[in-house]
C-alpha atoms as a PDB file:
ATOM      1  CA  UNK A   1     -33.701 -11.819  98.662  1.00  0.00           C
ATOM      2  CA  UNK A   2     -36.588 -11.156 100.520  1.00  0.00           C
ATOM      3  CA  UNK A   3     -38.557  -8.483 100.060  1.00  0.00           C
ATOM      4  CA  UNK A   4     -40.641  -6.518 102.592  1.00  0.00           C
ATOM      5  CA  UNK A   5     -43.786  -4.794 101.671  1.00  0.00           C
ATOM      6  CA  UNK A   6     -45.191  -1.781 103.748  1.00  0.00           C
ATOM      7  CA  UNK A   7     -48.725  -0.938 104.137  1.00  0.00           C
ATOM      8  CA  UNK A   8     -49.706  -4.354 105.488  1.00  0.00           C
ATOM      9  CA  UNK A   9     -49.117  -5.292 109.208  1.00  0.00           C
ATOM     10  CA  UNK A  10     -47.725  -8.604 109.406  1.00  0.00           C
ATOM     11  CA  UNK A  11     -49.652 -10.714 112.336  1.00  0.00           C
ATOM     12  CA  UNK A  12     -48.668 -10.345 115.991  1.00  0.00           C
ATOM     13  CA  UNK A  13     -45.876  -7.965 114.923  1.00  0.00           C
ATOM     14  CA  UNK A  14     -46.185  -4.580 117.534  1.00  0.00           C
ATOM     15  CA  UNK A  15     -42.886  -3.204 115.792  1.00  0.00           C
ATOM     16  CA  UNK A  16     -44.280  -2.688 112.144  1.00  0.00           C
ATOM     17  CA  UNK A  17     -46.812   0.378 112.782  1.00  0.00           C
ATOM     18  CA  UNK A  18     -44.434   2.228 115.194  1.00  0.00           C
ATOM     19  CA  UNK A  19     -42.206   1.934 112.478  1.00  0.00           C
ATOM     20  CA  UNK A  20     -44.691   3.360 109.912  1.00  0.00           C
ATOM     21  CA  UNK A  21     -45.535   6.072 111.874  1.00  0.00           C
ATOM     22  CA  UNK A  22     -41.870   6.893 112.642  1.00  0.00           C
ATOM     23  CA  UNK A  23     -41.502   6.360 108.957  1.00  0.00           C
ATOM     24  CA  UNK A  24     -44.698   8.676 107.980  1.00  0.00           C
ATOM     25  CA  UNK A  25     -43.304  11.622 110.135  1.00  0.00           C
ATOM     26  CA  UNK A  26     -39.497  11.610 108.557  1.00  0.00           C
ATOM     27  CA  UNK A  27     -41.243  11.024 105.228  1.00  0.00           C
ATOM     28  CA  UNK A  28     -43.625  14.267 105.707  1.00  0.00           C
ATOM     29  CA  UNK A  29     -41.045  16.496 107.066  1.00  0.00           C
ATOM     30  CA  UNK A  30     -37.666  15.988 105.979  1.00  0.00           C
ATOM     31  CA  UNK A  31     -37.385  13.364 103.572  1.00  0.00           C
ATOM     32  CA  UNK A  32     -40.026  14.791 101.479  1.00  0.00           C
ATOM     33  CA  UNK A  33     -38.412  18.237 100.883  1.00  0.00           C
ATOM     34  CA  UNK A  34     -35.485  16.792 100.106  1.00  0.00           C
ATOM     35  CA  UNK A  35     -36.116  14.314  97.812  1.00  0.00           C
ATOM     36  CA  UNK A  36     -39.336  16.102  96.009  1.00  0.00           C
ATOM     37  CA  UNK A  37     -38.739  16.331  92.245  1.00  0.00           C
ATOM     38  CA  UNK A  38     -38.243  19.695  90.620  1.00  0.00           C
ATOM     39  CA  UNK A  39     -38.928  18.675  87.127  1.00  0.00           C
ATOM     40  CA  UNK A  40     -42.556  19.028  85.963  1.00  0.00           C
ATOM     41  CA  UNK A  41     -44.670  15.726  85.377  1.00  0.00           C
ATOM     42  CA  UNK A  42     -44.978  15.170  81.271  1.00  0.00           C
ATOM     43  CA  UNK A  43     -47.187  13.065  79.245  1.00  0.00           C
ATOM     44  CA  UNK A  44     -45.955  11.949  76.086  1.00  0.00           C
ATOM     45  CA  UNK A  45     -48.359  10.789  72.856  1.00  0.00           C
ATOM     46  CA  UNK A  46     -47.894   9.916  69.156  1.00  0.00           C
ATOM     47  CA  UNK A  47     -50.972   9.756  66.974  1.00  0.00           C
ATOM     48  CA  UNK A  48     -50.967   9.517  63.085  1.00  0.00           C
ATOM     49  CA  UNK A  49     -49.855  13.039  62.032  1.00  0.00           C
ATOM     50  CA  UNK A  50     -48.208  14.311  65.610  1.00  0.00           C
ATOM     51  CA  UNK A  51     -46.204  14.132  68.634  1.00  0.00           C
ATOM     52  CA  UNK A  52     -47.636  15.674  71.583  1.00  0.00           C
ATOM     53  CA  UNK A  53     -45.808  16.438  75.023  1.00  0.00           C
ATOM     54  CA  UNK A  54     -47.952  17.705  77.794  1.00  0.00           C
ATOM     55  CA  UNK A  55     -46.123  19.399  80.995  1.00  0.00           C
ATOM     56  CA  UNK A  56     -48.086  19.920  84.297  1.00  0.00           C
ATOM     57  CA  UNK A  57     -46.745  23.724  85.324  1.00  0.00           C
ATOM     58  CA  UNK A  58     -49.226  25.470  87.233  1.00  0.00           C
ATOM     59  CA  UNK A  59     -48.626  28.520  88.606  1.00  0.00           C
ATOM     60  CA  UNK A  60     -46.630  30.214  85.989  1.00  0.00           C
ATOM     61  CA  UNK A  61     -47.140  32.827  83.541  1.00  0.00           C
ATOM     62  CA  UNK A  62     -46.750  32.032  79.969  1.00  0.00           C
ATOM     63  CA  UNK A  63     -43.930  34.930  79.895  1.00  0.00           C
ATOM     64  CA  UNK A  64     -42.417  32.232  82.224  1.00  0.00           C
ATOM     65  CA  UNK A  65     -41.866  29.736  79.637  1.00  0.00           C
ATOM     66  CA  UNK A  66     -39.528  29.463  77.278  1.00  0.00           C
ATOM     67  CA  UNK A  67     -38.630  26.858  74.721  1.00  0.00           C
ATOM     68  CA  UNK A  68     -36.130  26.353  72.336  1.00  0.00           C
ATOM     69  CA  UNK A  69     -35.374  23.935  69.685  1.00  0.00           C
ATOM     70  CA  UNK A  70     -31.566  23.003  68.999  1.00  0.00           C
ATOM     71  CA  UNK A  71     -30.977  20.436  66.510  1.00  0.00           C
ATOM     72  CA  UNK A  72     -33.301  17.248  67.895  1.00  0.00           C
ATOM     73  CA  UNK A  73     -33.404  18.465  71.285  1.00  0.00           C
ATOM     74  CA  UNK A  74     -36.407  20.853  72.262  1.00  0.00           C
ATOM     75  CA  UNK A  75     -35.904  22.351  75.790  1.00  0.00           C
ATOM     76  CA  UNK A  76     -38.740  23.796  77.783  1.00  0.00           C
ATOM     77  CA  UNK A  77     -37.490  26.015  80.799  1.00  0.00           C
ATOM     78  CA  UNK A  78     -39.158  28.282  83.551  1.00  0.00           C
ATOM     79  CA  UNK A  79     -37.681  30.959  85.169  1.00  0.00           C
ATOM     80  CA  UNK A  80     -40.174  32.464  88.420  1.00  0.00           C
ATOM     81  CA  UNK A  81     -38.731  34.833  91.024  1.00  0.00           C
ATOM     82  CA  UNK A  82     -39.813  33.810  94.327  1.00  0.00           C
ATOM     83  CA  UNK A  83     -42.782  35.518  95.773  1.00  0.00           C
ATOM     84  CA  UNK A  84     -41.281  37.987  98.682  1.00  0.00           C
ATOM     85  CA  UNK A  85     -41.915  36.524 102.135  1.00  0.00           C
ATOM     86  CA  UNK A  86     -43.576  38.467 104.779  1.00  0.00           C
ATOM     87  CA  UNK A  87     -41.159  38.648 107.871  1.00  0.00           C
ATOM     88  CA  UNK A  88     -44.245  38.735 110.444  1.00  0.00           C
ATOM     89  CA  UNK A  89     -45.858  35.467 109.116  1.00  0.00           C
ATOM     90  CA  UNK A  90     -44.242  32.379 110.224  1.00  0.00           C
ATOM     91  CA  UNK A  91     -45.049  29.368 108.348  1.00  0.00           C
ATOM     92  CA  UNK A  92     -45.911  25.810 110.294  1.00  0.00           C
ATOM     93  CA  UNK A  93     -45.199  24.424 106.987  1.00  0.00           C
ATOM     94  CA  UNK A  94     -44.556  25.256 103.364  1.00  0.00           C
ATOM     95  CA  UNK A  95     -44.186  23.144 100.697  1.00  0.00           C
ATOM     96  CA  UNK A  96     -44.419  24.707  97.606  1.00  0.00           C
ATOM     97  CA  UNK A  97     -42.105  27.660  96.080  1.00  0.00           C
ATOM     98  CA  UNK A  98     -41.411  29.398  92.695  1.00  0.00           C
ATOM     99  CA  UNK A  99     -38.485  27.946  91.125  1.00  0.00           C
ATOM    100  CA  UNK A 100     -36.446  27.321  88.223  1.00  0.00           C
ATOM    101  CA  UNK A 101     -36.907  23.990  86.037  1.00  0.00           C
ATOM    102  CA  UNK A 102     -35.364  22.735  82.421  1.00  0.00           C
ATOM    103  CA  UNK A 103     -36.804  19.529  80.938  1.00  0.00           C
ATOM    104  CA  UNK A 104     -35.310  18.843  77.243  1.00  0.00           C
ATOM    105  CA  UNK A 105     -36.584  15.761  74.910  1.00  0.00           C
ATOM    106  CA  UNK A 106     -34.947  14.499  72.121  1.00  0.00           C
ATOM    107  CA  UNK A 107     -36.961  14.910  69.261  1.00  0.00           C
ATOM    108  CA  UNK A 108     -37.293  11.297  66.422  1.00  0.00           C
ATOM    109  CA  UNK A 109     -36.114  12.429  62.871  1.00  0.00           C
ATOM    110  CA  UNK A 110     -39.802  11.997  61.774  1.00  0.00           C
ATOM    111  CA  UNK A 111     -40.519  15.013  63.590  1.00  0.00           C
ATOM    112  CA  UNK A 112     -40.996  18.714  61.522  1.00  0.00           C
ATOM    113  CA  UNK A 113     -39.279  21.054  63.169  1.00  0.00           C
ATOM    114  CA  UNK A 114     -41.195  23.786  61.255  1.00  0.00           C
ATOM    115  CA  UNK A 115     -44.420  23.049  62.488  1.00  0.00           C
ATOM    116  CA  UNK A 116     -44.186  23.106  66.374  1.00  0.00           C
ATOM    117  CA  UNK A 117     -46.896  24.676  68.510  1.00  0.00           C
ATOM    118  CA  UNK A 118     -47.371  25.450  72.136  1.00  0.00           C
ATOM    119  CA  UNK A 119     -50.084  26.336  74.224  1.00  0.00           C
ATOM    120  CA  UNK A 120     -50.585  26.811  78.110  1.00  0.00           C
ATOM    121  CA  UNK A 121     -54.116  26.374  79.595  1.00  0.00           C
ATOM    122  CA  UNK A 122     -55.060  26.051  83.023  1.00  0.00           C
ATOM    123  CA  UNK A 123     -51.694  24.879  84.757  1.00  0.00           C
ATOM    124  CA  UNK A 124     -50.583  22.574  81.263  1.00  0.00           C
ATOM    125  CA  UNK A 125     -48.306  23.497  78.598  1.00  0.00           C
ATOM    126  CA  UNK A 126     -49.207  21.624  75.795  1.00  0.00           C
ATOM    127  CA  UNK A 127     -46.491  21.312  72.761  1.00  0.00           C
ATOM    128  CA  UNK A 128     -47.760  19.954  69.448  1.00  0.00           C
ATOM    129  CA  UNK A 129     -45.054  18.667  67.207  1.00  0.00           C
ATOM    130  CA  UNK A 130     -46.298  17.517  63.618  1.00  0.00           C
ATOM    131  CA  UNK A 131     -44.531  14.703  61.792  1.00  0.00           C
ATOM    132  CA  UNK A 132     -42.893  15.099  57.867  1.00  0.00           C
ATOM    133  CA  UNK A 133     -45.324  13.820  55.312  1.00  0.00           C
ATOM    134  CA  UNK A 134     -43.091  10.773  54.537  1.00  0.00           C
ATOM    135  CA  UNK A 135     -43.344   9.831  58.050  1.00  0.00           C
ATOM    136  CA  UNK A 136     -47.111  10.111  58.492  1.00  0.00           C
ATOM    137  CA  UNK A 137     -48.423   6.543  59.207  1.00  0.00           C
ATOM    138  CA  UNK A 138     -50.000   5.421  55.747  1.00  0.00           C
ATOM    139  CA  UNK A 139     -52.261   2.611  54.997  1.00  0.00           C
ATOM    140  CA  UNK A 140     -52.853   1.396  51.155  1.00  0.00           C
ATOM    141  CA  UNK A 141     -53.625  -2.215  49.901  1.00  0.00           C
ATOM    142  CA  UNK A 142     -51.003  -4.450  48.163  1.00  0.00           C
ATOM    143  CA  UNK A 143     -52.230  -6.160  45.014  1.00  0.00           C
ATOM    144  CA  UNK A 144     -51.079  -9.538  44.643  1.00  0.00           C
ATOM    145  CA  UNK A 145     -49.438 -10.577  41.696  1.00  0.00           C
END
């Protein structure tokens, strides 16, 4: 199998620059809108005492966000109505819109369901899920007998 890398032009190849130009035009206008992910980006981290989930969801109000816990599944969703469009305004390009999304996370058994906090600051939703006491990383010295 041969892999072809884009971005580096092979020597004495006049077709590749043309192809890259056509590809960038298609990618910019057609493919990008059709294949753009409607799911927010997420960062998940774990520390000794808790799990942290950060979702990038700019442009929303706190009232637009819904967080539900069903058994071990934590779901985050938002439903923001689209803004009214002025019929006299003609867009040359429109890349963002307000729409719905839903994202779910399976929580591990070590998550304490009674201690989940959510903060929404500067377009980032930060979920903090505490760990059960018995699941926290514990260090101790073991005596040799």
